[in-house]
């Protein structure tokens, strides 16, 4: 208990200092610093609200104990006992809440995210499953009130997608969706199977925090742009207008010193400037992801958690259609509601993953 109060000591002064700083025109002009301080302000605000409640509960406990030790009136003693029991029951919950709030958050959690789904082993069936996963996330985004924008698509020969890339925009999107990174395995009878045999296929999901303009430095004058006519459905406009854009950029990997050519295509809209803007956004996200991978790996190893390492080669979940079963292998979570799950009802699974990760964070925390 004293440890919690010691850790809280000084946070009020820090909060007041940041409150003043974020109104300073010089700080507002420095966007990178301003965004960091604003985030810190909101995080501290949450901690201080819980801290105020924690101190009130401690005061209630002390007051109730004083009444019980010095009061002879039975009615007053009964009221004091009820108040003591209530406060003592709430104290551990608020204490846990404060501990979690005081663990340094992943700075990317509040960001939007870019999701890449690729069909893996299994050919046409893998592409169809990648399409099912996209539909699942599309439905989930609708439930959350997030905006979804597709930036690149490569369709499978029998339907679904060999690859689909999209951006999700909303509140704390990356902090929620990061748990979906990894290999998703499906067991079912493919539409092309004539003898009713169950096949196993897989699709890979990569969830990347969307980079803001000030997260990475890009020399836009060195970008090579090409335009081309978008293929597929879309009417005469798509066939006649070169709305698709292709971006080439030579980037030196700071971790290896190797210069790599990055190639990004965007055919999402019929508006070339919008496609350029989205291609640039994907370039920023790609570079941000690569430059910060070492940092993310260090965090993951320190955290020693298998819940959200972001390892795209780890098998995280199996979807068994014959049994209507979903199993998340990271937390041994199994449910038999595959139909509703594939319709975007995945929140309970994500909530359990968040609880598991928080439990691991508390174990490794010094609080």
Protein backbone atom coordinates (compact mmCIF):
# COMPACT_ATOMS: atom_id res chain seq x y z
CA UNK A 1 0.00 0.00 0.00
CA UNK A 2 2.80 2.40 0.94
CA UNK A 3 4.58 1.51 -2.33
CA UNK A 4 1.58 2.68 -4.34
CA UNK A 5 1.39 5.98 -2.43
CA UNK A 6 5.14 6.49 -2.84
CA UNK A 7 4.88 5.94 -6.59
CA UNK A 8 1.97 8.40 -6.78
CA UNK A 9 3.92 11.05 -4.90
CA UNK A 10 4.98 13.85 -7.23
CA UNK A 11 2.56 13.03 -10.04
CA UNK A 12 0.35 16.05 -9.25
CA UNK A 13 3.29 18.42 -9.76
CA UNK A 14 4.24 16.65 -13.00
CA UNK A 15 0.65 16.90 -14.24
CA UNK A 16 0.55 20.65 -13.49
CA UNK A 17 3.87 21.13 -15.31
CA UNK A 18 2.61 19.32 -18.44
CA UNK A 19 -0.71 21.21 -18.28
CA UNK A 20 1.26 24.46 -18.56
CA UNK A 21 3.61 23.17 -21.27
CA UNK A 22 0.85 22.07 -23.68
CA UNK A 23 -0.49 25.65 -23.74
CA UNK A 24 2.94 27.09 -24.60
CA UNK A 25 3.00 28.29 -28.27
CA UNK A 26 6.62 27.10 -28.65
CA UNK A 27 5.62 23.57 -27.60
CA UNK A 28 2.53 23.60 -29.83
CA UNK A 29 4.76 24.58 -32.77
CA UNK A 30 6.92 21.47 -32.14
CA UNK A 31 4.35 18.87 -33.24
CA UNK A 32 6.36 15.83 -32.18
CA UNK A 33 6.86 17.15 -28.65
CA UNK A 34 3.29 18.46 -28.41
CA UNK A 35 1.76 15.09 -29.35
CA UNK A 36 4.01 13.27 -26.86
CA UNK A 37 3.12 15.70 -24.03
CA UNK A 38 -0.61 15.59 -24.82
CA UNK A 39 -0.53 11.79 -24.63
CA UNK A 40 1.38 11.98 -21.32
CA UNK A 41 -1.17 14.52 -20.03
CA UNK A 42 -4.12 12.17 -20.73
CA UNK A 43 -2.29 9.17 -19.23
CA UNK A 44 -1.49 11.11 -16.06
CA UNK A 45 -5.07 12.37 -15.85
CA UNK A 46 -6.34 8.76 -15.72
CA UNK A 47 -3.81 7.82 -13.03
CA UNK A 48 -4.66 10.86 -10.88
CA UNK A 49 -8.41 10.15 -11.06
CA UNK A 50 -7.79 6.61 -9.81
CA UNK A 51 -5.32 7.94 -7.21
CA UNK A 52 -7.93 10.35 -5.83
CA UNK A 53 -10.40 7.48 -5.50
CA UNK A 54 -7.73 5.33 -3.82
CA UNK A 55 -6.97 8.04 -1.23
CA UNK A 56 -10.71 8.54 -0.56
CA UNK A 57 -11.07 4.81 0.11
CA UNK A 58 -8.10 4.85 2.51
CA UNK A 59 -9.68 7.81 4.32
CA UNK A 60 -13.02 5.95 4.49
CA UNK A 61 -11.29 2.91 6.00
CA UNK A 62 -9.53 5.04 8.62
CA UNK A 63 -12.75 6.91 9.48
CA UNK A 64 -14.83 3.72 9.77
CA UNK A 65 -12.20 2.10 12.00
CA UNK A 66 -12.16 5.19 14.24
CA UNK A 67 -15.98 5.02 14.60
CA UNK A 68 -15.87 1.29 15.43
CA UNK A 69 -13.17 1.80 18.08
CA UNK A 70 -14.82 4.74 19.83
CA UNK A 71 -18.58 4.56 19.15
CA UNK A 72 -21.09 2.70 21.33
CA UNK A 73 -24.28 3.38 19.30
CA UNK A 74 -25.20 0.10 17.56
CA UNK A 75 -26.75 1.79 14.51
CA UNK A 76 -23.69 4.00 13.91
CA UNK A 77 -21.38 1.01 14.45
CA UNK A 78 -23.37 -1.02 11.89
CA UNK A 79 -23.13 1.82 9.34
CA UNK A 80 -19.39 2.13 9.97
CA UNK A 81 -18.92 -1.64 9.54
CA UNK A 82 -20.78 -1.60 6.20
CA UNK A 83 -18.68 1.33 5.00
CA UNK A 84 -15.47 -0.41 6.12
CA UNK A 85 -16.39 -3.65 4.33
CA UNK A 86 -17.30 -1.75 1.15
CA UNK A 87 -14.09 0.33 1.13
CA UNK A 88 -11.87 -2.68 1.89
CA UNK A 89 -13.50 -4.64 -0.93
CA UNK A 90 -12.89 -1.79 -3.42
CA UNK A 91 -9.29 -1.03 -2.40
CA UNK A 92 -7.61 -4.03 -4.14
CA UNK A 93 -9.52 -3.31 -7.39
CA UNK A 94 -8.44 0.34 -7.46
CA UNK A 95 -4.89 -0.62 -6.47
CA UNK A 96 -4.73 -3.06 -9.42
CA UNK A 97 -6.14 -0.37 -11.70
CA UNK A 98 -3.42 2.09 -10.62
CA UNK A 99 -0.66 -0.50 -11.06
CA UNK A 100 -1.78 -1.16 -14.64
CA UNK A 101 -2.06 2.55 -15.41
CA UNK A 102 1.45 3.17 -14.07
CA UNK A 103 3.05 0.57 -16.35
CA UNK A 104 4.52 2.56 -19.27
CA UNK A 105 2.09 2.09 -22.19
CA UNK A 106 3.14 1.02 -25.65
CA UNK A 107 3.46 4.42 -27.38
CA UNK A 108 1.91 2.94 -30.52
CA UNK A 109 -1.32 1.72 -28.85
CA UNK A 110 -3.23 4.94 -29.52
CA UNK A 111 -2.39 4.95 -33.24
CA UNK A 112 -4.40 3.84 -36.25
CA UNK A 113 -3.10 0.71 -37.95
CA UNK A 114 -2.34 -0.86 -41.30
CA UNK A 115 -3.39 -4.51 -41.67
CA UNK A 116 -1.89 -6.85 -44.27
CA UNK A 117 -3.58 -10.23 -44.85
CA UNK A 118 -1.80 -12.74 -47.09
CA UNK A 119 -2.91 -16.21 -48.14
CA UNK A 120 -0.28 -18.70 -46.98
CA UNK A 121 -0.02 -22.44 -47.47
CA UNK A 122 -3.04 -24.01 -49.15
CA UNK A 123 -3.30 -22.31 -52.56
CA UNK A 124 -6.83 -21.26 -53.55
CA UNK A 125 -8.23 -22.30 -50.17
CA UNK A 126 -5.71 -20.04 -48.37
CA UNK A 127 -6.81 -17.10 -50.53
CA UNK A 128 -10.47 -17.83 -49.73
CA UNK A 129 -9.64 -17.95 -46.01
CA UNK A 130 -7.76 -14.63 -46.30
CA UNK A 131 -11.01 -13.23 -47.74
CA UNK A 132 -12.95 -14.63 -44.78
CA UNK A 133 -10.52 -13.00 -42.35
CA UNK A 134 -10.87 -9.65 -44.14
CA UNK A 135 -14.67 -9.90 -43.89
CA UNK A 136 -14.32 -10.75 -40.16
CA UNK A 137 -12.21 -7.62 -39.52
CA UNK A 138 -14.55 -5.55 -41.68
CA UNK A 139 -17.51 -6.61 -39.51
CA UNK A 140 -15.49 -6.04 -36.33
CA UNK A 141 -14.55 -2.52 -37.51
CA UNK A 142 -18.25 -1.77 -38.09
CA UNK A 143 -19.05 -2.86 -34.52
CA UNK A 144 -16.26 -0.61 -33.16
CA UNK A 145 -17.23 2.38 -35.31
CA UNK A 146 -13.83 2.40 -37.03
CA UNK A 147 -13.22 3.54 -40.60
CA UNK A 148 -11.74 0.96 -43.00
CA UNK A 149 -9.95 1.92 -46.23
CA UNK A 150 -8.47 -0.69 -48.58
CA UNK A 151 -5.22 0.42 -50.23
CA UNK A 152 -4.08 -2.64 -52.17
CA UNK A 153 -5.70 -5.88 -53.34
CA UNK A 154 -4.49 -8.98 -55.17
CA UNK A 155 -7.43 -11.31 -55.74
CA UNK A 156 -7.22 -15.10 -55.64
CA UNK A 157 -7.99 -17.18 -58.74
CA UNK A 158 -10.97 -18.87 -57.06
CA UNK A 159 -12.01 -15.85 -54.94
CA UNK A 160 -10.73 -14.31 -51.75
CA UNK A 161 -7.36 -12.57 -51.72
CA UNK A 162 -3.76 -13.54 -52.26
CA UNK A 163 -3.08 -10.27 -50.44
CA UNK A 164 -5.14 -7.37 -49.14
CA UNK A 165 -3.87 -4.27 -47.33
CA UNK A 166 -6.15 -1.87 -45.46
CA UNK A 167 -6.03 0.92 -42.90
CA UNK A 168 -8.22 1.07 -39.79
CA UNK A 169 -8.88 4.50 -38.29
CA UNK A 170 -10.46 5.11 -34.89
CA UNK A 171 -9.81 5.15 -31.15
CA UNK A 172 -6.81 3.07 -29.94
CA UNK A 173 -7.01 0.87 -33.03
CA UNK A 174 -3.46 -0.51 -32.96
CA UNK A 175 -3.68 -1.23 -29.21
CA UNK A 176 -6.66 -3.48 -29.96
CA UNK A 177 -5.71 -4.99 -33.31
CA UNK A 178 -2.05 -5.80 -32.50
CA UNK A 179 -3.19 -9.09 -30.95
CA UNK A 180 -4.23 -10.30 -34.41
CA UNK A 181 -0.65 -10.39 -35.79
CA UNK A 182 0.48 -13.91 -36.64
CA UNK A 183 -0.49 -17.04 -38.55
CA UNK A 184 -4.19 -17.94 -38.61
CA UNK A 185 -4.83 -21.60 -39.45
CA UNK A 186 -8.09 -22.98 -40.88
CA UNK A 187 -9.32 -26.57 -40.95
CA UNK A 188 -12.28 -27.23 -43.24
CA UNK A 189 -13.49 -28.99 -46.39
CA UNK A 190 -12.61 -26.72 -49.35
CA UNK A 191 -15.27 -25.96 -51.96
CA UNK A 192 -13.07 -27.71 -54.54
CA UNK A 193 -12.76 -30.92 -52.48
CA UNK A 194 -14.90 -33.71 -54.01
CA UNK A 195 -14.35 -36.40 -51.37
CA UNK A 196 -15.20 -34.34 -48.31
CA UNK A 197 -11.72 -34.39 -46.80
CA UNK A 198 -10.73 -31.70 -44.29
CA UNK A 199 -7.76 -29.62 -45.42
CA UNK A 200 -5.52 -27.34 -43.35
CA UNK A 201 -4.60 -23.94 -44.80
CA UNK A 202 -3.22 -20.75 -43.37
CA UNK A 203 -3.18 -16.98 -43.81
CA UNK A 204 -0.79 -14.47 -42.28
CA UNK A 205 -1.99 -11.26 -40.63
CA UNK A 206 0.43 -8.40 -39.99
CA UNK A 207 -0.79 -5.40 -37.97
CA UNK A 208 1.43 -2.32 -38.12
CA UNK A 209 1.02 1.00 -36.27
CA UNK A 210 0.29 3.73 -38.81
CA UNK A 211 3.14 6.23 -38.83
CA UNK A 212 2.46 9.93 -38.56
CA UNK A 213 4.34 12.37 -40.79
CA UNK A 214 6.71 13.34 -38.00
CA UNK A 215 7.50 9.74 -36.97
CA UNK A 216 9.84 9.14 -39.92
CA UNK A 217 11.92 11.28 -42.24
CA UNK A 218 11.26 10.79 -45.96
CA UNK A 219 13.01 12.76 -48.71
CA UNK A 220 10.00 13.17 -51.00
CA UNK A 221 12.14 14.56 -53.82
CA UNK A 222 13.82 11.15 -54.09
CA UNK A 223 10.57 9.26 -54.61
CA UNK A 224 10.03 7.93 -58.14
CA UNK A 225 6.37 7.90 -59.18
CA UNK A 226 4.69 5.93 -61.99
CA UNK A 227 1.04 5.97 -62.93
CA UNK A 228 -0.97 3.20 -64.57
CA UNK A 229 -4.54 2.24 -65.37
CA UNK A 230 -6.23 0.27 -62.63
CA UNK A 231 -7.45 -3.14 -63.68
CA UNK A 232 -10.61 -5.00 -62.73
CA UNK A 233 -14.14 -3.73 -62.23
CA UNK A 234 -14.83 -0.04 -62.01
CA UNK A 235 -16.37 1.06 -65.28
CA UNK A 236 -14.97 3.09 -68.14
CA UNK A 237 -13.25 5.66 -65.94
CA UNK A 238 -10.87 3.07 -64.47
CA UNK A 239 -9.91 1.84 -67.92
CA UNK A 240 -9.33 5.29 -69.44
CA UNK A 241 -7.68 7.20 -66.57
CA UNK A 242 -4.25 6.44 -65.11
CA UNK A 243 -5.43 6.65 -61.50
CA UNK A 244 -3.24 3.88 -60.09
CA UNK A 245 0.10 4.99 -58.62
CA UNK A 246 3.39 3.15 -58.09
CA UNK A 247 6.01 4.49 -55.69
CA UNK A 248 9.69 3.54 -55.62
CA UNK A 249 11.95 4.74 -52.83
CA UNK A 250 15.54 3.86 -51.89
CA UNK A 251 15.78 3.60 -48.11
CA UNK A 252 18.86 2.90 -46.00
CA UNK A 253 18.05 0.53 -43.17
CA UNK A 254 19.64 2.12 -40.05
CA UNK A 255 19.88 -1.30 -38.36
CA UNK A 256 21.84 -2.98 -41.20
CA UNK A 257 23.18 -0.10 -43.30
CA UNK A 258 21.79 -1.80 -46.43
CA UNK A 259 19.96 0.31 -49.04
CA UNK A 260 16.65 -1.29 -50.01
CA UNK A 261 14.22 -0.33 -52.77
CA UNK A 262 10.68 -0.06 -51.46
CA UNK A 263 7.90 -0.58 -54.02
CA UNK A 264 4.32 0.37 -53.14
CA UNK A 265 1.24 0.39 -55.38
CA UNK A 266 -2.11 1.99 -54.59
CA UNK A 267 -5.22 1.60 -56.75
CA UNK A 268 -7.86 2.19 -54.11
CA UNK A 269 -9.61 5.25 -55.57
CA UNK A 270 -10.16 6.80 -59.00
CA UNK A 271 -8.51 9.96 -57.69
CA UNK A 272 -4.76 9.93 -58.39
CA UNK A 273 -3.82 12.51 -55.70
CA UNK A 274 -5.68 10.45 -53.07
CA UNK A 275 -3.88 7.31 -54.19
CA UNK A 276 -0.56 9.19 -53.93
CA UNK A 277 -1.43 10.34 -50.41
CA UNK A 278 -2.30 6.78 -49.35
CA UNK A 279 0.83 5.34 -50.96
CA UNK A 280 2.91 7.89 -48.99
CA UNK A 281 1.11 6.89 -45.79
CA UNK A 282 1.97 3.23 -46.44
CA UNK A 283 5.59 4.17 -47.13
CA UNK A 284 5.81 6.01 -43.78
CA UNK A 285 4.25 3.04 -41.98
CA UNK A 286 6.57 0.55 -43.68
CA UNK A 287 9.70 2.52 -42.76
CA UNK A 288 8.44 3.20 -39.22
CA UNK A 289 7.79 -0.50 -38.73
CA UNK A 290 11.25 -1.51 -39.98
CA UNK A 291 13.15 1.20 -38.09
CA UNK A 292 11.37 0.41 -34.84
CA UNK A 293 11.49 -3.39 -35.13
CA UNK A 294 14.63 -3.65 -32.97
CA UNK A 295 12.97 -1.45 -30.33
CA UNK A 296 9.80 -3.59 -30.49
CA UNK A 297 11.88 -6.79 -30.23
CA UNK A 298 13.63 -5.43 -27.13
CA UNK A 299 10.32 -4.52 -25.53
CA UNK A 300 8.89 -7.96 -26.33
CA UNK A 301 11.90 -9.77 -24.86
CA UNK A 302 11.79 -7.66 -21.70
CA UNK A 303 8.07 -8.22 -21.39
CA UNK A 304 8.50 -11.97 -21.94
CA UNK A 305 4.97 -12.27 -23.23
CA UNK A 306 3.65 -14.47 -26.02
CA UNK A 307 0.42 -12.52 -26.21
CA UNK A 308 1.35 -9.63 -28.50
CA UNK A 309 4.97 -9.89 -29.59
CA UNK A 310 3.91 -9.04 -33.15
CA UNK A 311 5.77 -12.14 -34.41
CA UNK A 312 4.20 -12.74 -37.79
CA UNK A 313 5.52 -16.31 -38.03
CA UNK A 314 3.86 -17.49 -34.80
CA UNK A 315 0.74 -19.64 -35.15
CA UNK A 316 -1.78 -17.83 -32.98
CA UNK A 317 -5.23 -19.22 -33.77
CA UNK A 318 -6.99 -22.21 -35.36
CA UNK A 319 -10.44 -22.04 -36.95
CA UNK A 320 -11.94 -25.56 -37.12
CA UNK A 321 -15.08 -25.44 -39.27
CA UNK A 322 -16.28 -29.09 -38.90
CA UNK A 323 -16.41 -28.66 -35.12
CA UNK A 324 -17.38 -24.96 -35.16
CA UNK A 325 -14.39 -24.35 -32.89
CA UNK A 326 -11.89 -21.51 -32.49
CA UNK A 327 -8.75 -21.94 -30.40
CA UNK A 328 -6.34 -19.16 -29.54
CA UNK A 329 -3.09 -20.98 -28.76
CA UNK A 330 -1.48 -18.12 -26.81
CA UNK A 331 -3.95 -18.30 -23.93
CA UNK A 332 -5.52 -21.75 -24.50
CA UNK A 333 -8.85 -20.06 -25.21
CA UNK A 334 -11.41 -22.28 -27.00
CA UNK A 335 -14.99 -21.42 -27.93
CA UNK A 336 -17.58 -23.08 -30.17
CA UNK A 337 -19.15 -20.03 -31.79
CA UNK A 338 -17.24 -20.00 -35.08
CA UNK A 339 -20.18 -18.56 -37.05
CA UNK A 340 -20.59 -15.44 -34.92
CA UNK A 341 -16.80 -15.12 -34.52
CA UNK A 342 -16.34 -14.98 -38.30
CA UNK A 343 -19.09 -12.34 -38.33
CA UNK A 344 -16.84 -10.03 -36.33
CA UNK A 345 -17.72 -11.07 -32.76
CA UNK A 346 -14.06 -11.29 -31.68
CA UNK A 347 -14.05 -8.81 -28.77
CA UNK A 348 -14.20 -11.42 -26.00
CA UNK A 349 -11.10 -13.15 -27.36
CA UNK A 350 -9.23 -9.83 -27.61
CA UNK A 351 -10.35 -8.88 -24.07
CA UNK A 352 -8.92 -12.15 -22.72
CA UNK A 353 -5.65 -11.53 -24.56
CA UNK A 354 -5.47 -8.03 -23.03
CA UNK A 355 -6.11 -9.47 -19.53
CA UNK A 356 -3.40 -12.12 -20.07
CA UNK A 357 -0.89 -9.54 -21.23
CA UNK A 358 -1.71 -7.19 -18.34
CA UNK A 359 -1.17 -10.06 -15.89
CA UNK A 360 2.27 -10.66 -17.43
CA UNK A 361 3.08 -6.95 -17.30
CA UNK A 362 2.20 -6.84 -13.58
CA UNK A 363 4.41 -9.86 -12.87
CA UNK A 364 7.41 -8.20 -14.51
CA UNK A 365 6.61 -4.77 -13.05
CA UNK A 366 8.47 -3.39 -10.05
CA UNK A 367 5.28 -1.83 -8.68
